[in-house]
Protein backbone atom coordinates (compact mmCIF):
# COMPACT_ATOMS: atom_id res chain seq x y z
CA MET A 1 -82.18 -16.41 -109.78
CA SER A 2 -81.99 -16.81 -106.03
CA ASP A 3 -83.03 -13.87 -103.90
CA THR A 4 -79.70 -12.43 -102.72
CA ASN A 5 -81.41 -10.95 -99.67
CA SER A 6 -82.58 -14.28 -98.32
CA GLN A 7 -80.29 -16.24 -96.03
CA PRO A 8 -80.46 -19.98 -95.36
CA VAL A 9 -81.86 -20.60 -91.91
CA SER A 10 -82.11 -23.69 -89.78
CA ALA A 11 -85.58 -25.16 -90.08
CA PRO A 12 -87.36 -27.00 -87.30
CA ASP A 13 -87.76 -30.74 -87.66
CA LYS A 14 -90.78 -31.47 -89.84
CA ALA A 15 -92.51 -33.36 -87.05
CA ASP A 16 -92.40 -30.22 -84.89
CA ARG A 17 -93.92 -27.83 -87.40
CA PRO A 18 -97.33 -26.37 -86.52
CA PHE A 19 -98.98 -27.23 -89.86
CA ASP A 20 -98.99 -30.33 -92.02
CA ILE A 21 -100.09 -28.26 -95.02
CA VAL A 22 -100.22 -24.55 -95.81
CA LEU A 23 -102.25 -23.43 -98.84
CA TYR A 24 -100.73 -20.29 -100.37
CA GLY A 25 -103.09 -18.35 -102.62
CA ALA A 26 -106.25 -19.40 -100.80
CA THR A 27 -108.13 -16.18 -101.64
CA GLY A 28 -108.07 -16.81 -105.41
CA PHE A 29 -110.73 -18.78 -107.28
CA THR A 30 -108.75 -22.01 -107.61
CA GLY A 31 -107.26 -21.54 -104.16
CA GLY A 32 -110.75 -21.32 -102.71
CA LEU A 33 -111.69 -24.63 -104.32
CA VAL A 34 -108.54 -26.26 -102.96
CA ALA A 35 -109.37 -24.89 -99.49
CA GLU A 36 -112.85 -26.41 -99.64
CA TYR A 37 -111.39 -29.76 -100.67
CA LEU A 38 -108.81 -29.73 -97.89
CA LEU A 39 -111.49 -28.89 -95.34
CA ARG A 40 -113.44 -31.99 -96.37
CA HIS A 41 -110.50 -34.37 -96.71
CA MET A 42 -107.96 -33.40 -94.07
CA PRO A 43 -107.42 -36.55 -91.98
CA GLU A 44 -108.34 -36.51 -88.32
CA GLY A 45 -105.57 -34.86 -86.37
CA GLY A 46 -104.19 -33.11 -89.44
CA SER A 47 -103.42 -29.41 -89.23
CA TRP A 48 -103.47 -26.86 -92.03
CA ALA A 49 -103.61 -23.16 -92.76
CA VAL A 50 -104.62 -20.77 -95.51
CA ALA A 51 -102.03 -18.22 -96.57
CA GLY A 52 -101.78 -15.05 -98.62
CA ARG A 53 -100.90 -11.40 -98.31
CA ASN A 54 -104.29 -10.01 -97.23
CA ARG A 55 -105.29 -10.92 -93.67
CA THR A 56 -108.84 -9.61 -94.09
CA LYS A 57 -109.49 -11.81 -97.13
CA LEU A 58 -107.95 -14.81 -95.41
CA ASP A 59 -110.17 -14.32 -92.37
CA ALA A 60 -113.17 -14.17 -94.72
CA ILE A 61 -112.15 -17.50 -96.27
CA VAL A 62 -111.88 -19.10 -92.83
CA ALA A 63 -115.29 -17.71 -91.83
CA ARG A 64 -116.88 -19.09 -95.00
CA LEU A 65 -115.32 -22.50 -94.45
CA ALA A 66 -116.53 -22.52 -90.85
CA THR A 67 -120.07 -21.82 -92.07
CA GLU A 68 -119.93 -24.65 -94.61
CA MET A 69 -118.61 -27.24 -92.14
CA PRO A 70 -118.99 -25.94 -88.57
CA ASP A 71 -118.10 -29.29 -87.01
CA VAL A 72 -114.68 -29.46 -88.71
CA PRO A 73 -111.68 -27.63 -87.20
CA ALA A 74 -111.02 -24.39 -89.06
CA PRO A 75 -107.65 -23.80 -90.71
CA GLY A 76 -105.09 -21.42 -89.33
CA VAL A 77 -104.05 -18.21 -91.07
CA VAL A 78 -100.56 -17.31 -92.30
CA VAL A 79 -99.78 -13.92 -93.82
CA ALA A 80 -97.04 -14.06 -96.46
CA ASP A 81 -96.15 -12.12 -99.59
CA THR A 82 -94.14 -13.12 -102.64
CA ASP A 83 -92.30 -9.80 -102.40
CA ASP A 84 -91.27 -10.47 -98.79
CA ALA A 85 -88.64 -13.23 -98.68
CA ARG A 86 -88.63 -13.32 -94.88
CA SER A 87 -92.39 -13.97 -94.72
CA LEU A 88 -92.04 -16.80 -97.25
CA ALA A 89 -89.18 -18.33 -95.27
CA GLU A 90 -91.26 -18.21 -92.08
CA MET A 91 -94.23 -19.77 -93.88
CA ALA A 92 -92.04 -22.54 -95.33
CA ARG A 93 -90.62 -23.33 -91.88
CA SER A 94 -94.13 -23.55 -90.42
CA ALA A 95 -95.32 -26.41 -92.66
CA ARG A 96 -94.37 -29.85 -93.85
CA VAL A 97 -95.99 -29.18 -97.25
CA ILE A 98 -96.75 -25.97 -99.12
CA ILE A 99 -99.47 -25.96 -101.79
CA THR A 100 -99.42 -22.88 -104.01
CA THR A 101 -101.90 -21.63 -106.60
CA VAL A 102 -100.17 -18.26 -107.10
CA GLY A 103 -99.21 -17.86 -110.77
CA PRO A 104 -98.09 -17.23 -113.41
CA TYR A 105 -95.25 -19.06 -111.77
CA LEU A 106 -92.55 -17.55 -113.96
CA GLU A 107 -93.61 -14.22 -112.52
CA TYR A 108 -94.41 -15.12 -108.92
CA GLY A 109 -93.20 -18.64 -108.20
CA GLU A 110 -89.45 -18.64 -107.66
CA PRO A 111 -89.21 -17.03 -104.20
CA LEU A 112 -91.47 -19.69 -102.70
CA VAL A 113 -89.60 -22.55 -104.38
CA ALA A 114 -86.39 -21.09 -102.95
CA ALA A 115 -87.89 -20.84 -99.46
CA CYS A 116 -89.17 -24.42 -99.53
CA ALA A 117 -85.95 -25.85 -100.96
CA GLU A 118 -83.91 -24.15 -98.25
CA ALA A 119 -86.30 -25.14 -95.42
CA GLY A 120 -86.66 -28.79 -96.45
CA THR A 121 -90.38 -28.22 -97.05
CA ASP A 122 -92.28 -30.19 -99.66
CA TYR A 123 -93.86 -28.06 -102.40
CA VAL A 124 -96.59 -28.60 -105.02
CA ASP A 125 -97.99 -26.23 -107.64
CA LEU A 126 -100.14 -25.98 -110.76
CA THR A 127 -97.60 -24.66 -113.23
CA GLY A 128 -97.80 -25.58 -116.89
CA GLU A 129 -94.75 -23.45 -117.72
CA PRO A 130 -91.81 -25.57 -118.94
CA GLU A 131 -89.32 -22.74 -118.56
CA PHE A 132 -90.27 -22.25 -114.91
CA VAL A 133 -89.82 -25.95 -114.16
CA ASP A 134 -86.43 -26.02 -115.87
CA ARG A 135 -85.24 -22.85 -114.12
CA MET A 136 -86.27 -24.22 -110.75
CA TYR A 137 -84.39 -27.43 -111.48
CA LEU A 138 -81.23 -25.54 -112.36
CA GLU A 139 -81.42 -23.24 -109.34
CA TYR A 140 -82.91 -25.35 -106.56
CA HIS A 141 -82.78 -29.09 -107.31
CA ASP A 142 -79.45 -29.53 -105.54
CA VAL A 143 -80.59 -27.35 -102.64
CA ALA A 144 -83.72 -29.47 -102.24
CA VAL A 145 -81.75 -32.72 -102.44
CA ALA A 146 -79.54 -31.49 -99.61
CA SER A 147 -82.44 -30.27 -97.43
CA GLY A 148 -84.75 -33.22 -98.12
CA ALA A 149 -87.44 -31.11 -99.81
CA ARG A 150 -89.59 -32.63 -102.54
CA ILE A 151 -90.38 -30.03 -105.23
CA VAL A 152 -93.23 -31.33 -107.39
CA HIS A 153 -94.55 -29.12 -110.17
CA ALA A 154 -97.53 -29.55 -112.52
CA CYS A 155 -99.95 -31.15 -110.04
CA GLY A 156 -103.18 -30.19 -111.83
CA PHE A 157 -104.63 -30.87 -115.27
CA ASP A 158 -101.06 -30.10 -116.28
CA SER A 159 -99.88 -32.84 -115.87
CA ILE A 160 -101.38 -35.47 -113.56
CA PRO A 161 -103.81 -37.10 -116.04
CA HIS A 162 -100.94 -37.47 -118.50
CA ASP A 163 -98.15 -38.39 -116.09
CA LEU A 164 -100.20 -40.83 -114.02
CA GLY A 165 -102.05 -41.94 -117.16
CA VAL A 166 -98.80 -43.16 -118.69
CA PHE A 167 -97.73 -44.55 -115.29
CA TYR A 168 -100.98 -46.55 -115.21
CA THR A 169 -100.63 -47.61 -118.85
CA MET A 170 -97.10 -48.92 -118.33
CA LYS A 171 -98.43 -51.20 -115.61
CA GLN A 172 -100.33 -53.04 -118.36
CA VAL A 173 -97.24 -53.41 -120.57
CA PRO A 174 -95.00 -56.53 -120.48
CA GLU A 175 -91.86 -55.92 -118.44
CA GLY A 176 -88.53 -55.18 -120.03
CA VAL A 177 -89.69 -54.47 -123.59
CA PRO A 178 -89.48 -51.33 -125.74
CA ALA A 179 -92.66 -49.25 -125.65
CA VAL A 180 -94.06 -46.62 -127.99
CA VAL A 181 -96.84 -44.64 -126.28
CA TYR A 182 -98.99 -41.76 -127.42
CA GLY A 183 -101.63 -39.81 -125.54
CA ALA A 184 -104.59 -37.91 -126.98
CA VAL A 185 -106.49 -35.41 -124.84
CA HIS A 186 -110.00 -34.09 -125.42
CA ALA A 187 -111.62 -31.51 -123.16
CA ASP A 188 -115.07 -29.95 -123.12
CA ALA A 189 -114.46 -27.13 -120.67
CA GLN A 190 -114.00 -23.42 -120.14
CA PHE A 191 -110.46 -22.43 -119.26
CA SER A 192 -109.63 -19.23 -117.47
CA GLY A 193 -108.20 -15.98 -118.75
CA GLY A 194 -105.32 -16.64 -116.39
CA THR A 195 -104.51 -19.78 -118.35
CA PHE A 196 -104.37 -17.76 -121.57
CA HIS A 197 -102.21 -15.11 -119.90
CA SER A 198 -99.79 -17.84 -118.85
CA ALA A 199 -99.76 -19.37 -122.35
CA ILE A 200 -99.08 -16.01 -123.98
CA GLY A 201 -96.25 -15.41 -121.55
CA GLN A 202 -94.71 -18.73 -122.54
CA PHE A 203 -95.05 -18.03 -126.28
CA ALA A 204 -93.33 -14.67 -125.73
CA ARG A 205 -90.32 -16.42 -124.19
CA LEU A 206 -89.76 -19.30 -126.60
CA ARG A 207 -86.07 -18.50 -127.11
CA ASP A 208 -85.45 -18.12 -123.38
CA ALA A 209 -87.29 -21.37 -122.74
CA ALA A 210 -85.20 -23.20 -125.34
CA LYS A 211 -81.96 -21.93 -123.80
CA THR A 212 -83.06 -22.96 -120.32
CA ALA A 213 -84.14 -26.40 -121.54
CA LYS A 214 -80.72 -26.90 -123.13
CA LEU A 215 -78.98 -25.99 -119.88
CA ARG A 216 -81.15 -28.48 -118.02
CA ARG A 217 -80.35 -31.26 -120.48
CA GLN A 218 -76.66 -30.54 -120.06
CA LYS A 219 -76.93 -30.74 -116.29
CA GLU A 220 -79.10 -33.88 -116.20
CA GLY A 221 -77.20 -35.84 -118.82
CA ARG A 222 -78.51 -38.94 -120.54
CA VAL A 223 -80.11 -41.91 -118.83
CA SER A 224 -77.50 -44.64 -118.57
CA GLY A 225 -78.32 -47.88 -120.40
CA ARG A 226 -81.80 -46.84 -121.50
CA ARG A 227 -83.30 -44.71 -124.26
CA ILE A 228 -86.03 -42.17 -123.45
CA LYS A 229 -87.32 -39.88 -126.18
CA SER A 230 -90.22 -37.78 -127.40
CA VAL A 231 -91.41 -37.77 -131.00
CA GLN A 232 -93.19 -34.70 -132.37
CA GLY A 233 -95.90 -36.31 -134.46
CA LYS A 234 -97.78 -34.80 -137.37
CA PRO A 235 -101.52 -34.10 -137.67
CA HIS A 236 -103.24 -37.28 -138.80
CA ARG A 237 -106.36 -39.38 -138.48
CA ASP A 238 -105.65 -42.13 -136.00
CA SER A 239 -107.02 -45.52 -137.00
CA VAL A 240 -107.07 -46.82 -133.42
CA LEU A 241 -109.02 -43.93 -131.91
CA GLY A 242 -110.96 -42.94 -135.02
CA ARG A 243 -110.21 -39.24 -134.45
CA TRP A 244 -107.90 -36.57 -135.78
CA LEU A 245 -104.80 -35.98 -133.67
CA VAL A 246 -102.91 -32.68 -133.54
CA PRO A 247 -99.51 -32.26 -131.81
CA LEU A 248 -100.03 -30.36 -128.57
CA PRO A 249 -97.28 -27.98 -127.34
CA THR A 250 -97.81 -28.36 -123.60
CA ILE A 251 -95.59 -29.29 -120.67
CA ASP A 252 -97.07 -32.79 -120.41
CA PRO A 253 -94.57 -34.68 -122.62
CA GLN A 254 -91.66 -33.24 -120.66
CA ILE A 255 -93.16 -34.41 -117.38
CA VAL A 256 -93.89 -37.87 -118.82
CA LEU A 257 -90.33 -38.22 -120.14
CA ARG A 258 -88.84 -37.24 -116.78
CA SER A 259 -90.94 -39.90 -115.09
CA ALA A 260 -89.80 -42.40 -117.70
CA ALA A 261 -86.18 -41.48 -117.09
CA ALA A 262 -86.61 -41.89 -113.33
CA LEU A 263 -88.63 -45.13 -113.37
CA GLU A 264 -87.00 -48.25 -114.80
CA SER A 265 -90.43 -49.88 -114.99
CA TYR A 266 -90.96 -47.87 -118.19
CA GLY A 267 -88.56 -50.25 -119.90
CA PRO A 268 -85.28 -50.06 -121.82
CA ASP A 269 -86.60 -47.99 -124.73
CA PHE A 270 -89.52 -45.59 -124.20
CA THR A 271 -91.00 -43.19 -126.76
CA TYR A 272 -93.85 -40.76 -126.12
CA SER A 273 -95.95 -38.49 -128.36
CA HIS A 274 -98.65 -36.08 -127.25
CA TYR A 275 -101.74 -34.89 -129.11
CA ALA A 276 -105.05 -33.10 -128.90
CA SER A 277 -107.94 -35.23 -130.10
CA VAL A 278 -110.47 -33.52 -132.40
CA GLY A 279 -113.37 -34.68 -134.52
CA SER A 280 -112.51 -33.40 -137.99
CA PRO A 281 -109.62 -32.19 -140.17
CA VAL A 282 -111.24 -28.75 -140.26
CA THR A 283 -111.04 -28.50 -136.47
CA ALA A 284 -107.48 -29.81 -136.56
CA THR A 285 -106.42 -27.20 -139.10
CA ALA A 286 -108.20 -24.38 -137.29
CA GLY A 287 -106.54 -25.35 -134.04
CA MET A 288 -103.06 -25.37 -135.54
CA VAL A 289 -103.63 -22.02 -137.26
CA GLY A 290 -104.97 -20.50 -134.05
CA VAL A 291 -102.05 -21.69 -131.94
CA GLY A 292 -99.59 -20.53 -134.59
CA ALA A 293 -101.16 -17.09 -134.80
CA LEU A 294 -101.17 -16.75 -131.01
CA ALA A 295 -97.53 -17.79 -130.84
CA LEU A 296 -96.50 -15.29 -133.52
CA GLY A 297 -98.55 -12.47 -132.02
CA SER A 298 -97.03 -13.11 -128.62
CA GLN A 299 -93.57 -12.39 -130.01
CA VAL A 300 -94.47 -8.76 -130.78
CA GLY A 301 -94.73 -6.55 -127.70
CA PRO A 302 -97.58 -4.23 -128.81
CA ILE A 303 -99.63 -7.13 -130.17
CA ARG A 304 -99.03 -9.13 -127.02
CA SER A 305 -100.16 -6.20 -124.87
CA GLN A 306 -103.37 -5.81 -126.87
CA ILE A 307 -104.14 -9.52 -126.60
CA LEU A 308 -103.63 -9.46 -122.83
CA LYS A 309 -105.81 -6.37 -122.43
CA ARG A 310 -108.69 -8.16 -124.16
CA ILE A 311 -108.47 -11.32 -122.07
CA ASP A 312 -109.70 -10.89 -118.53
CA ARG A 313 -108.09 -13.20 -116.00
CA GLY A 314 -111.60 -13.67 -114.69
CA ALA A 315 -113.01 -15.29 -111.59
CA GLY A 316 -113.60 -18.73 -113.08
CA PRO A 317 -116.71 -20.34 -114.56
CA SER A 318 -119.94 -20.86 -112.68
CA GLU A 319 -120.59 -24.04 -110.75
CA SER A 320 -123.21 -25.08 -113.32
CA ARG A 321 -120.71 -24.61 -116.19
CA ARG A 322 -118.12 -26.63 -114.33
CA ALA A 323 -120.68 -29.37 -113.74
CA ARG A 324 -121.16 -29.68 -117.52
CA SER A 325 -117.44 -29.88 -118.25
CA SER A 326 -115.36 -33.00 -118.78
CA PHE A 327 -112.13 -34.36 -120.22
CA ASP A 328 -110.55 -37.61 -121.28
CA VAL A 329 -107.04 -38.67 -122.24
CA THR A 330 -106.67 -41.88 -124.23
CA PHE A 331 -103.31 -43.66 -124.34
CA VAL A 332 -102.15 -46.21 -126.88
CA ALA A 333 -99.09 -48.30 -126.04
CA LEU A 334 -97.36 -50.54 -128.56
CA ALA A 335 -95.11 -52.93 -126.66
CA GLY A 336 -94.10 -56.58 -126.74
CA GLY A 337 -96.20 -57.27 -129.82
CA ARG A 338 -99.34 -55.96 -128.10
CA ARG A 339 -101.47 -52.86 -128.44
CA ILE A 340 -102.83 -51.61 -125.14
CA VAL A 341 -105.40 -48.81 -124.95
CA THR A 342 -106.21 -47.04 -121.70
CA ARG A 343 -108.16 -43.95 -120.73
CA VAL A 344 -108.19 -41.38 -117.96
CA SER A 345 -111.37 -39.33 -117.63
CA GLY A 346 -113.00 -36.90 -115.28
CA GLY A 347 -115.13 -33.81 -114.85
CA ASP A 348 -114.21 -30.16 -115.21
CA PRO A 349 -110.45 -30.19 -115.85
CA GLY A 350 -109.64 -26.53 -115.34
CA TYR A 351 -110.99 -26.08 -111.82
CA THR A 352 -112.90 -28.92 -110.13
CA GLU A 353 -110.53 -31.75 -110.99
CA THR A 354 -107.45 -29.53 -110.90
CA SER A 355 -108.21 -28.40 -107.34
CA MET A 356 -108.79 -32.02 -106.31
CA MET A 357 -105.53 -33.19 -107.91
CA LEU A 358 -103.50 -30.40 -106.36
CA ALA A 359 -105.00 -30.97 -102.91
CA GLU A 360 -104.47 -34.73 -103.10
CA SER A 361 -100.86 -34.18 -104.14
CA GLY A 362 -100.28 -32.14 -101.01
CA LEU A 363 -102.12 -34.66 -98.85
CA SER A 364 -100.09 -37.50 -100.32
CA LEU A 365 -96.78 -35.80 -99.57
CA ALA A 366 -97.96 -35.01 -96.05
CA PHE A 367 -99.49 -38.32 -95.03
CA ASP A 368 -98.56 -41.22 -97.35
CA ASP A 369 -95.66 -43.65 -97.05
CA LEU A 370 -93.63 -42.63 -100.11
CA PRO A 371 -90.20 -43.35 -101.59
CA ALA A 372 -87.33 -41.63 -99.77
CA LEU A 373 -86.57 -39.10 -102.51
CA SER A 374 -85.81 -35.40 -102.58
CA GLY A 375 -85.15 -32.68 -105.14
CA GLN A 376 -87.33 -31.75 -108.09
CA LEU A 377 -89.57 -34.75 -108.82
CA THR A 378 -92.57 -35.65 -110.95
CA THR A 379 -95.90 -36.83 -109.56
CA ALA A 380 -95.34 -40.39 -110.81
CA GLN A 381 -91.82 -40.44 -109.40
CA ALA A 382 -92.61 -38.88 -106.02
CA MET A 383 -96.04 -40.33 -105.26
CA GLY A 384 -96.81 -42.99 -107.88
CA ASP A 385 -99.32 -45.58 -106.71
CA ALA A 386 -100.31 -43.59 -103.63
CA LEU A 387 -101.41 -40.59 -105.70
CA LEU A 388 -102.96 -42.82 -108.35
CA ASP A 389 -105.18 -44.30 -105.66
CA ARG A 390 -105.99 -40.88 -104.24
CA VAL A 391 -107.08 -39.25 -107.49
CA GLN A 392 -109.24 -42.26 -108.34
CA ARG A 393 -110.97 -41.93 -104.99
CA GLY A 394 -111.20 -38.21 -105.77
CA GLY A 395 -113.22 -38.91 -108.90
CA LEU A 396 -110.92 -39.62 -111.85
CA THR A 397 -111.42 -42.85 -113.78
CA PHE A 398 -108.47 -44.93 -115.00
CA GLU A 399 -109.47 -47.86 -117.19
CA VAL A 400 -108.08 -50.37 -119.67
CA LEU A 401 -110.08 -50.28 -122.91
CA SER A 402 -108.27 -53.06 -124.75
CA THR A 403 -105.14 -55.18 -124.52
């Protein structure tokens, strides 16, 4: 819900704000990687700042960045705290774009979304929490539409490879025909304890999430004149990819479907299914059992507490481990009598590529010529080709395997 203590305030024109981008959460592991990326890729004349609640830690980040690249202008420093609505409002009014890495977003994210929506400030995050995205739509979409803010969630591994992967795939599909698309993701990487904490939090709130999703569907309504749907597939061996596919309960299909609803280029009848790609039926079965057990355990308070105690949020994997990590998402589109296969691939998905994707999302909103849209948007809807070009230059590969 909205913070009843915060009051809408008049925000300065975006062109007059001191910073193009403010990075909130810069002292965390992922935030530090995003800061390094911004330092190296901020365009000449661009201005940015690191933000968080601890001035000493922020100053240390700035000092480290200055040591790494002494010839590049250092970022500014903004002190703000999720528990202090006034500080968030001031931060939002100081920037054209806010990038935030502070999660879990269900726990910490809403006050900043509220501040950005009210100030007309563009916002990007890393959330993979469907309930958070739906709640923010219900509470702040209309506010953001009125203020001109673009609220773009899921700008990391959740869900850019999937959202832009389908966006890229649909460019290969004949225009105006029904399309059935499925995506299969495979990752060789170490994910953080924070990711598991977030997942457990989502499993613990399945009923709440379902209620919120229903309210969102009621508010959005159906797409007029087109059919957009998701199909929950079953575990099976895919003859096209030659691998076992297991339905994957992530936010990615929801993001893809919202892009499909917003973009008529996805055709009159669009269907999407989402899977994890594994090498054997044994792995497929083990994965399903593991996810099921985690979901059930998360429903019971004492069990959930014990699980969380045993999983350290951690400081992230070493640079050498990240260098050995990789991912790929393969898409198969059946449309117009053709079968089109594409692939998105990259390095370490959890940190290296995620920090790049998040940073490039913020840079795109700040500096690219984009559609005149506002409200809660997806990456494909808000940034489309501009972000597709950016993440390819950032290191991701998008390719057509067969048509």
